[in-house]
Protein backbone atom coordinates (compact mmCIF):
# COMPACT_ATOMS: atom_id res chain seq x y z
CA MET A 1 -14.89 222.90 -39.45
CA PRO A 2 -18.26 224.69 -38.95
CA ILE A 3 -19.67 221.28 -37.79
CA LEU A 4 -16.89 220.78 -35.23
CA THR A 5 -17.36 224.32 -34.05
CA ALA A 6 -21.11 223.69 -33.65
CA ALA A 7 -20.35 220.34 -31.72
CA LEU A 8 -17.95 222.17 -29.33
CA VAL A 9 -20.45 225.05 -28.57
CA LEU A 10 -23.16 222.52 -28.00
CA VAL A 11 -20.85 220.41 -25.60
CA GLY A 12 -19.96 223.73 -23.82
CA ALA A 13 -23.67 224.55 -23.48
CA LEU A 14 -24.44 221.22 -22.11
CA CYS A 15 -21.66 221.37 -19.58
CA THR A 16 -22.84 224.77 -18.36
CA LEU A 17 -26.36 223.51 -17.91
CA ASP A 18 -25.07 220.44 -16.08
CA LEU A 19 -23.02 222.70 -13.74
CA ILE A 20 -26.03 225.02 -13.03
CA LEU A 21 -28.31 222.09 -12.29
CA THR A 22 -25.63 220.45 -10.00
CA LEU A 23 -25.29 223.73 -8.06
CA GLY A 24 -29.09 223.83 -7.65
CA VAL A 25 -29.27 220.28 -6.35
CA ILE A 26 -26.40 221.13 -3.85
CA LYS A 27 -28.27 224.23 -2.72
CA ARG A 28 -31.45 222.28 -2.06
CA LEU A 29 -29.58 219.43 -0.21
CA ARG A 30 -28.16 222.15 2.12
CA GLU A 31 -31.54 223.49 2.82
CA HIS A 32 -32.88 220.05 3.54
CA THR A 33 -29.87 219.42 5.85
CA ASP A 34 -30.58 222.60 7.76
CA LEU A 35 -34.16 221.49 8.19
CA LEU A 36 -33.30 218.13 9.49
CA ALA A 37 -30.72 219.75 11.80
CA ASN A 38 -33.49 221.75 13.34
CA ASN A 39 -35.21 218.50 14.32
CA SER A 40 -37.91 219.19 11.67
CA GLY A 41 -39.18 222.12 13.78
CA MET A 42 -40.16 219.79 16.65
CA GLY A 43 -37.58 221.28 19.03
CA ALA A 44 -35.76 219.53 21.72
CA PRO A 45 -37.45 216.47 23.39
CA ALA A 46 -36.91 218.06 26.74
CA LEU A 47 -34.92 220.57 28.51
CA ALA A 48 -31.32 220.88 27.47
CA ALA A 49 -28.37 220.58 29.83
CA GLY A 50 -27.92 223.79 31.78
CA GLU A 51 -31.57 224.75 31.65
CA GLU A 52 -33.56 225.18 34.75
CA VAL A 53 -36.37 222.79 35.71
CA GLY A 54 -39.67 224.47 36.45
CA ALA A 55 -41.54 224.19 39.77
CA PHE A 56 -43.77 221.10 40.31
CA THR A 57 -45.57 219.21 42.98
CA ALA A 58 -46.52 215.45 42.57
CA THR A 59 -47.30 212.51 44.67
CA THR A 60 -45.26 209.16 44.23
CA MET A 61 -47.00 205.77 43.92
CA ASP A 62 -45.73 205.31 47.48
CA GLY A 63 -47.88 208.30 48.55
CA GLU A 64 -45.03 210.66 49.31
CA PRO A 65 -45.31 214.26 48.12
CA LEU A 66 -42.59 215.26 45.82
CA THR A 67 -41.28 218.72 44.82
CA GLY A 68 -38.29 219.97 42.80
CA GLU A 69 -36.71 221.08 46.11
CA GLN A 70 -36.47 217.44 47.22
CA LEU A 71 -34.56 216.30 44.41
CA ALA A 72 -30.91 215.70 45.37
CA GLU A 73 -27.73 216.32 43.36
CA ASP A 74 -27.27 213.92 40.47
CA THR A 75 -30.85 212.58 40.47
CA LEU A 76 -31.69 210.27 37.49
CA VAL A 77 -35.13 211.28 36.03
CA ALA A 78 -36.85 209.22 33.35
CA PHE A 79 -40.13 209.62 31.45
CA PHE A 80 -41.84 206.62 29.96
CA SER A 81 -45.03 206.03 28.22
CA PRO A 82 -46.63 202.53 28.22
CA THR A 83 -47.77 203.03 24.54
CA CYS A 84 -44.41 203.93 23.00
CA GLY A 85 -42.21 201.22 21.31
CA PRO A 86 -38.87 202.82 22.27
CA CYS A 87 -39.90 203.00 26.00
CA LYS A 88 -40.34 199.17 25.84
CA GLU A 89 -36.77 198.83 24.79
CA THR A 90 -35.33 201.54 27.07
CA MET A 91 -37.14 200.53 30.36
CA PRO A 92 -35.33 197.32 30.94
CA LYS A 93 -31.89 199.27 30.36
CA PHE A 94 -33.04 201.85 32.88
CA VAL A 95 -34.14 199.17 35.49
CA GLN A 96 -30.77 197.70 35.20
CA TYR A 97 -28.89 201.00 35.33
CA ALA A 98 -30.81 202.70 38.24
CA PRO A 99 -29.29 200.49 41.03
CA THR A 100 -25.88 201.88 40.06
CA VAL A 101 -26.83 205.55 40.79
CA PRO A 102 -25.27 206.61 44.12
CA GLY A 103 -28.07 207.02 46.71
CA GLY A 104 -30.10 204.40 45.29
CA ARG A 105 -33.71 204.60 44.95
CA ASP A 106 -34.03 208.03 46.50
CA ARG A 107 -31.97 209.55 43.72
CA VAL A 108 -34.03 207.97 40.87
CA LEU A 109 -37.32 209.16 39.73
CA ALA A 110 -39.42 207.57 37.03
CA VAL A 111 -42.52 209.15 35.63
CA VAL A 112 -44.82 206.97 33.70
CA VAL A 113 -47.18 209.10 31.52
CA GLY A 114 -50.45 207.42 30.49
CA GLU A 115 -53.98 206.40 31.60
CA PRO A 116 -54.14 204.38 34.87
CA ASP A 117 -55.17 201.17 33.43
CA GLU A 118 -52.16 201.24 30.98
CA THR A 119 -49.48 202.07 33.56
CA ALA A 120 -49.53 198.97 36.07
CA GLY A 121 -46.99 197.15 34.02
CA PRO A 122 -44.39 199.93 33.96
CA VAL A 123 -45.04 200.94 37.47
CA GLY A 124 -44.49 197.34 38.76
CA ALA A 125 -41.13 197.17 36.74
CA LEU A 126 -39.87 200.56 37.92
CA SER A 127 -40.98 200.60 41.64
CA PRO A 128 -38.19 198.46 42.85
CA VAL A 129 -35.46 200.74 41.55
CA ALA A 130 -37.01 204.28 41.48
CA ARG A 131 -39.63 206.44 43.12
CA VAL A 132 -42.47 206.44 40.58
CA VAL A 133 -45.00 209.00 39.64
CA VAL A 134 -47.82 208.44 37.31
CA GLU A 135 -49.41 211.52 35.50
CA ASN A 136 -51.22 212.33 32.29
CA VAL A 137 -49.75 213.93 29.28
CA ASP A 138 -50.02 217.47 30.60
CA GLY A 139 -48.86 216.61 34.13
CA ALA A 140 -46.81 218.64 36.40
CA LEU A 141 -43.52 216.91 35.87
CA GLY A 142 -43.89 216.77 32.17
CA GLU A 143 -44.44 220.44 32.05
CA ALA A 144 -41.60 221.22 34.47
CA PHE A 145 -39.15 219.29 32.34
CA LYS A 146 -40.70 220.31 29.03
CA VAL A 147 -40.88 216.77 27.81
CA LYS A 148 -42.21 216.38 24.34
CA ALA A 149 -41.01 212.71 23.41
CA TYR A 150 -40.62 209.37 25.24
CA PRO A 151 -38.42 207.86 26.63
CA THR A 152 -36.63 210.87 28.07
CA VAL A 153 -33.81 210.26 30.60
CA LEU A 154 -32.10 213.18 32.24
CA LYS A 155 -29.77 213.77 35.17
CA VAL A 156 -30.44 216.80 37.30
CA GLY A 157 -28.64 218.66 39.98
CA ARG A 158 -28.17 222.09 41.63
CA GLY A 159 -26.70 224.96 39.74
CA GLY A 160 -24.49 227.62 41.28
CA ASP A 161 -27.45 229.45 42.73
CA GLY A 162 -29.10 226.39 44.09
CA ARG A 163 -31.80 226.06 41.48
CA LEU A 164 -32.63 222.63 40.01
CA VAL A 165 -31.05 222.36 36.46
CA VAL A 166 -30.53 219.54 34.01
CA ARG A 167 -26.95 218.30 34.26
CA SER A 168 -27.26 215.96 31.22
CA ASN A 169 -29.96 215.01 28.73
CA ALA A 170 -27.77 212.27 27.21
CA VAL A 171 -27.59 209.57 29.80
CA ASP A 172 -25.82 206.50 28.55
CA LEU A 173 -27.80 203.65 30.13
CA SER A 174 -25.52 200.97 28.77
CA ARG A 175 -22.68 201.84 31.27
CA PRO A 176 -23.03 201.94 35.09
CA ASP A 177 -23.00 205.39 36.70
CA VAL A 178 -19.33 206.43 36.97
CA ALA A 179 -19.52 207.50 40.58
CA ALA A 180 -20.85 204.03 41.58
CA VAL A 181 -18.06 202.01 40.10
């Protein structure tokens, strides 16, 4: 009988230890999930929906001056870098989607971020469907939209007070613009 009692106490102690370790693992997994949910501390890749776009001045590849005041309601804005892999996958979808935007090329803005010798290919692909601006990493448009990752595709418009705001930072390029259909 003392051996059976000792075995029961040992099994009970092992089960308690297992429960404590399991609760510790669950706590660590929750902490890890919270870190991932906060995007590993990198923050959002650009302005969120509803945030105001900063002031900027730029010149398009056509030589036209461009400011935030000139962007019309429901303008599609995209940022690409010639050196990023996801940009190479997204750019053809953007080129196919852009003609479906009501207002056509005047309501589509593409920003190519990179060195001038690297941007010729993307500029050639984007120019037929968008006004194109080439700038460096710390360019005025990237700063105004707080772009931290590429590709970034946004839809902008006017808020109730007339300021330029981001309408959507999750544009689905696989479906034509709803207003155009």
